[in-house]
Structure formats: C-alpha cells, structure tokens
Amino acid sequence: MRMRQKLQLYQISVIFSMVFALIGFSYNTWRLEVTEHNSNIRLACFEILKELAALEQLVYIAHYDGDMVTASPRKGWIKVGLIQDFSYLTNEEVKDKAATLHTTWSNNWESITTSNQSVELIVRDIDNVKTNIKALLITLK
C-alpha cells in the first residue's frame, strides 16, 4: 500500500512537471515570436523615418535651392517607393499614409521647384507618415 501511494505521488508529480514544462515552453515560444515581430516593425519604422527625412531634404533642396541635380526626382521616386515598400511591414495606418504620400508625390513631383503648394502637400504627407510611425512605435511591447 505504501509503495502504491509513492508511485501515485510520483506519477502526479511527473504529470505536473510535464504540464509546467509545456506551458513554459509555449510561453517562451510565443514571447520570442512577438519579440521578433516587434523587432521587424521597429526596423521598418526606423528605415522609413530615415527615408522620410531624406525625401523631405530632397524636396527642400529642389524647392529652395533649385538644385535638381542633388534633388533629382529619380531619387525622390526611389525614396517614396522604399517608404511604401517598408510600410507593408508596419500596420494599416502607416501603410495607408505611405500610399497617400506616394499619390501626392506622383501628382506634385514635377512642380516642387516652383510651387509652394506642392511642397506643402508633400511635406504634410511626410509628417502624417511620421506621426503614424511614432504612434505605432509607442504601442510596441
């Protein structure tokens, strides 16, 4: 009888140990996945912020300095394209704002040297993307 109780106690402790090990492993796996996902989002956001700054600088050089060599529209197209591509790794709000920026750039890139309104529209959309990125980064854990 005494041996049987010890065997039952051993079996119960083995079952609980397995359950706790499974729970711990599952949590650890989930946590690693979330951390990796957040890391990818952060990296994409930082790359977008760098491209936004470069695009804004390009727009100002083209408009205020009239330097279309340094501020070539081809460089702007590349930056806008990268911003939109990286936005797919973030969330819907950033993706939508990046698409809006792409549309605004498409409609206004030819007149950034002469039109204050074109510059204002592009810079407004750059700021909108920045605002949404900052809001997204704050929500990551």
C-alpha atoms as a PDB file:
ATOM      1  CA  MET A   1       0.000   0.000   0.000  1.00  0.00           C
ATOM      2  CA  ARG A   2       2.748   2.415   0.890  1.00  0.00           C
ATOM      3  CA  MET A   3       4.557   1.692  -2.360  1.00  0.00           C
ATOM      4  CA  ARG A   4       1.392   2.324  -4.338  1.00  0.00           C
ATOM      5  CA  GLN A   5       0.960   5.788  -2.767  1.00  0.00           C
ATOM      6  CA  LYS A   6       4.551   6.661  -3.565  1.00  0.00           C
ATOM      7  CA  LEU A   7       4.014   5.545  -7.173  1.00  0.00           C
ATOM      8  CA  GLN A   8       0.855   7.660  -7.491  1.00  0.00           C
ATOM      9  CA  LEU A   9       2.621  10.670  -5.998  1.00  0.00           C
ATOM     10  CA  TYR A  10       5.494  10.154  -8.428  1.00  0.00           C
ATOM     11  CA  GLN A  11       3.085   9.907 -11.388  1.00  0.00           C
ATOM     12  CA  ILE A  12       1.236  13.058 -10.331  1.00  0.00           C
ATOM     13  CA  SER A  13       4.480  14.999  -9.915  1.00  0.00           C
ATOM     14  CA  VAL A  14       5.661  13.825 -13.362  1.00  0.00           C
ATOM     15  CA  ILE A  15       2.371  14.925 -14.934  1.00  0.00           C
ATOM     16  CA  PHE A  16       2.543  18.355 -13.260  1.00  0.00           C
ATOM     17  CA  SER A  17       6.194  18.739 -14.280  1.00  0.00           C
ATOM     18  CA  MET A  18       5.319  17.970 -17.905  1.00  0.00           C
ATOM     19  CA  VAL A  19       2.385  20.400 -17.851  1.00  0.00           C
ATOM     20  CA  PHE A  20       4.528  23.185 -16.379  1.00  0.00           C
ATOM     21  CA  ALA A  21       7.344  22.471 -18.861  1.00  0.00           C
ATOM     22  CA  LEU A  22       4.854  22.607 -21.758  1.00  0.00           C
ATOM     23  CA  ILE A  23       3.332  25.855 -20.512  1.00  0.00           C
ATOM     24  CA  GLY A  24       6.785  27.388 -20.042  1.00  0.00           C
ATOM     25  CA  PHE A  25       7.947  26.278 -23.482  1.00  0.00           C
ATOM     26  CA  SER A  26       4.761  27.557 -25.118  1.00  0.00           C
ATOM     27  CA  TYR A  27       5.045  30.939 -23.425  1.00  0.00           C
ATOM     28  CA  ASN A  28       8.715  31.238 -24.352  1.00  0.00           C
ATOM     29  CA  THR A  29       7.966  30.410 -27.997  1.00  0.00           C
ATOM     30  CA  TRP A  30       5.096  32.907 -28.120  1.00  0.00           C
ATOM     31  CA  ARG A  31       7.243  35.605 -26.491  1.00  0.00           C
ATOM     32  CA  LEU A  32      10.076  35.047 -28.981  1.00  0.00           C
ATOM     33  CA  GLU A  33       7.633  35.315 -31.891  1.00  0.00           C
ATOM     34  CA  VAL A  34       6.193  38.575 -30.557  1.00  0.00           C
ATOM     35  CA  THR A  35       9.670  39.978 -29.922  1.00  0.00           C
ATOM     36  CA  GLU A  36      10.783  39.097 -33.460  1.00  0.00           C
ATOM     37  CA  HIS A  37       7.621  40.611 -34.942  1.00  0.00           C
ATOM     38  CA  ASN A  38       8.099  43.831 -32.956  1.00  0.00           C
ATOM     39  CA  SER A  39      11.759  43.947 -33.927  1.00  0.00           C
ATOM     40  CA  ASN A  40      10.830  43.731 -37.613  1.00  0.00           C
ATOM     41  CA  ILE A  41       8.289  46.522 -37.201  1.00  0.00           C
ATOM     42  CA  ARG A  42      10.812  48.733 -35.375  1.00  0.00           C
ATOM     43  CA  LEU A  43      13.445  48.182 -38.031  1.00  0.00           C
ATOM     44  CA  ALA A  44      10.976  49.003 -40.818  1.00  0.00           C
ATOM     45  CA  CYS A  45       9.829  52.129 -38.960  1.00  0.00           C
ATOM     46  CA  PHE A  46      13.375  53.391 -38.478  1.00  0.00           C
ATOM     47  CA  GLU A  47      14.172  52.812 -42.141  1.00  0.00           C
ATOM     48  CA  ILE A  48      11.003  54.653 -43.147  1.00  0.00           C
ATOM     49  CA  LEU A  49      11.912  57.573 -40.864  1.00  0.00           C
ATOM     50  CA  LYS A  50      15.354  57.804 -42.483  1.00  0.00           C
ATOM     51  CA  GLU A  51      13.841  57.762 -45.964  1.00  0.00           C
ATOM     52  CA  LEU A  52      11.231  60.353 -44.970  1.00  0.00           C
ATOM     53  CA  ALA A  53      13.962  62.684 -43.710  1.00  0.00           C
ATOM     54  CA  ALA A  54      15.924  62.219 -46.920  1.00  0.00           C
ATOM     55  CA  LEU A  55      12.808  62.840 -49.028  1.00  0.00           C
ATOM     56  CA  GLU A  56      11.985  65.984 -47.072  1.00  0.00           C
ATOM     57  CA  GLN A  57      15.546  67.216 -47.545  1.00  0.00           C
ATOM     58  CA  LEU A  58      15.316  66.459 -51.265  1.00  0.00           C
ATOM     59  CA  VAL A  59      12.075  68.442 -51.566  1.00  0.00           C
ATOM     60  CA  TYR A  60      13.569  71.439 -49.745  1.00  0.00           C
ATOM     61  CA  ILE A  61      16.754  71.384 -51.841  1.00  0.00           C
ATOM     62  CA  ALA A  62      14.722  71.229 -55.034  1.00  0.00           C
ATOM     63  CA  HIS A  63      12.337  73.985 -53.941  1.00  0.00           C
ATOM     64  CA  TYR A  64      14.525  76.446 -52.063  1.00  0.00           C
ATOM     65  CA  ASP A  65      17.887  75.852 -53.742  1.00  0.00           C
ATOM     66  CA  GLY A  66      16.565  74.961 -57.193  1.00  0.00           C
ATOM     67  CA  ASP A  67      19.194  72.211 -57.337  1.00  0.00           C
ATOM     68  CA  MET A  68      17.638  69.475 -59.476  1.00  0.00           C
ATOM     69  CA  VAL A  69      20.952  67.626 -59.714  1.00  0.00           C
ATOM     70  CA  THR A  70      21.226  66.951 -55.969  1.00  0.00           C
ATOM     71  CA  ALA A  71      17.441  66.731 -55.619  1.00  0.00           C
ATOM     72  CA  SER A  72      16.762  64.650 -58.686  1.00  0.00           C
ATOM     73  CA  PRO A  73      13.147  63.459 -58.929  1.00  0.00           C
ATOM     74  CA  ARG A  74      14.501  59.966 -59.649  1.00  0.00           C
ATOM     75  CA  LYS A  75      15.977  59.946 -56.139  1.00  0.00           C
ATOM     76  CA  GLY A  76      12.594  61.068 -54.813  1.00  0.00           C
ATOM     77  CA  TRP A  77      10.815  58.250 -56.634  1.00  0.00           C
ATOM     78  CA  ILE A  78      13.226  55.730 -55.130  1.00  0.00           C
ATOM     79  CA  LYS A  79      12.667  57.111 -51.626  1.00  0.00           C
ATOM     80  CA  VAL A  80       8.888  57.178 -51.994  1.00  0.00           C
ATOM     81  CA  GLY A  81       8.983  53.613 -53.314  1.00  0.00           C
ATOM     82  CA  LEU A  82      11.128  52.428 -50.392  1.00  0.00           C
ATOM     83  CA  ILE A  83       8.829  54.135 -47.915  1.00  0.00           C
ATOM     84  CA  GLN A  84       5.840  52.382 -49.418  1.00  0.00           C
ATOM     85  CA  ASP A  85       7.634  49.017 -49.524  1.00  0.00           C
ATOM     86  CA  PHE A  86       8.753  49.224 -45.888  1.00  0.00           C
ATOM     87  CA  SER A  87       5.269  50.301 -44.829  1.00  0.00           C
ATOM     88  CA  TYR A  88       3.984  46.794 -45.588  1.00  0.00           C
ATOM     89  CA  LEU A  89       5.933  45.589 -42.552  1.00  0.00           C
ATOM     90  CA  THR A  90       4.157  48.004 -40.207  1.00  0.00           C
ATOM     91  CA  ASN A  91       0.393  48.451 -39.749  1.00  0.00           C
ATOM     92  CA  GLU A  92      -2.561  49.567 -41.868  1.00  0.00           C
ATOM     93  CA  GLU A  93      -2.410  53.213 -40.774  1.00  0.00           C
ATOM     94  CA  VAL A  94       1.234  53.642 -41.766  1.00  0.00           C
ATOM     95  CA  LYS A  95       0.618  51.703 -44.966  1.00  0.00           C
ATOM     96  CA  ASP A  96      -2.323  53.966 -45.868  1.00  0.00           C
ATOM     97  CA  LYS A  97      -0.361  57.149 -45.125  1.00  0.00           C
ATOM     98  CA  ALA A  98       2.594  55.880 -47.176  1.00  0.00           C
ATOM     99  CA  ALA A  99       0.234  55.174 -50.092  1.00  0.00           C
ATOM    100  CA  THR A 100      -1.176  58.692 -49.753  1.00  0.00           C
ATOM    101  CA  LEU A 101       2.363  60.094 -49.782  1.00  0.00           C
ATOM    102  CA  HIS A 102       3.091  58.096 -52.942  1.00  0.00           C
ATOM    103  CA  THR A 103      -0.024  59.523 -54.615  1.00  0.00           C
ATOM    104  CA  THR A 104       0.810  63.067 -53.507  1.00  0.00           C
ATOM    105  CA  TRP A 105       4.364  62.680 -54.784  1.00  0.00           C
ATOM    106  CA  SER A 106       3.032  61.320 -58.109  1.00  0.00           C
ATOM    107  CA  ASN A 107       0.792  64.346 -58.517  1.00  0.00           C
ATOM    108  CA  ASN A 108       3.263  67.009 -57.382  1.00  0.00           C
ATOM    109  CA  TRP A 109       6.866  65.970 -58.032  1.00  0.00           C
ATOM    110  CA  GLU A 110       7.130  67.920 -61.277  1.00  0.00           C
ATOM    111  CA  SER A 111       6.224  71.218 -59.631  1.00  0.00           C
ATOM    112  CA  ILE A 112       8.244  71.073 -56.392  1.00  0.00           C
ATOM    113  CA  THR A 113      10.749  73.598 -57.752  1.00  0.00           C
ATOM    114  CA  THR A 114       8.088  76.231 -58.460  1.00  0.00           C
ATOM    115  CA  SER A 115       5.017  75.526 -56.339  1.00  0.00           C
ATOM    116  CA  ASN A 116       4.790  76.201 -52.607  1.00  0.00           C
ATOM    117  CA  GLN A 117       1.535  74.242 -52.543  1.00  0.00           C
ATOM    118  CA  SER A 118       3.209  71.118 -53.953  1.00  0.00           C
ATOM    119  CA  VAL A 119       5.926  71.317 -51.324  1.00  0.00           C
ATOM    120  CA  GLU A 120       3.364  71.855 -48.563  1.00  0.00           C
ATOM    121  CA  LEU A 121       1.288  68.861 -49.692  1.00  0.00           C
ATOM    122  CA  ILE A 122       4.295  66.552 -49.848  1.00  0.00           C
ATOM    123  CA  VAL A 123       5.683  67.731 -46.504  1.00  0.00           C
ATOM    124  CA  ARG A 124       2.221  67.382 -44.919  1.00  0.00           C
ATOM    125  CA  ASP A 125       2.059  63.757 -46.045  1.00  0.00           C
ATOM    126  CA  ILE A 126       5.617  63.129 -44.839  1.00  0.00           C
ATOM    127  CA  ASP A 127       4.578  64.475 -41.424  1.00  0.00           C
ATOM    128  CA  ASN A 128       1.456  62.270 -41.441  1.00  0.00           C
ATOM    129  CA  VAL A 129       3.557  59.156 -42.015  1.00  0.00           C
ATOM    130  CA  LYS A 130       5.951  60.233 -39.240  1.00  0.00           C
ATOM    131  CA  THR A 131       3.072  60.776 -36.829  1.00  0.00           C
ATOM    132  CA  ASN A 132       1.630  57.329 -37.530  1.00  0.00           C
ATOM    133  CA  ILE A 133       5.038  55.689 -37.165  1.00  0.00           C
ATOM    134  CA  LYS A 134       5.566  57.327 -33.787  1.00  0.00           C
ATOM    135  CA  ALA A 135       2.133  56.179 -32.643  1.00  0.00           C
ATOM    136  CA  LEU A 136       2.905  52.630 -33.799  1.00  0.00           C
ATOM    137  CA  LEU A 137       6.284  52.540 -32.062  1.00  0.00           C
ATOM    138  CA  ILE A 138       4.702  53.615 -28.783  1.00  0.00           C
ATOM    139  CA  THR A 139       2.302  50.655 -28.900  1.00  0.00           C
ATOM    140  CA  LEU A 140       5.044  48.008 -29.293  1.00  0.00           C
ATOM    141  CA  LYS A 141       5.978  45.971 -26.256  1.00  0.00           C
END
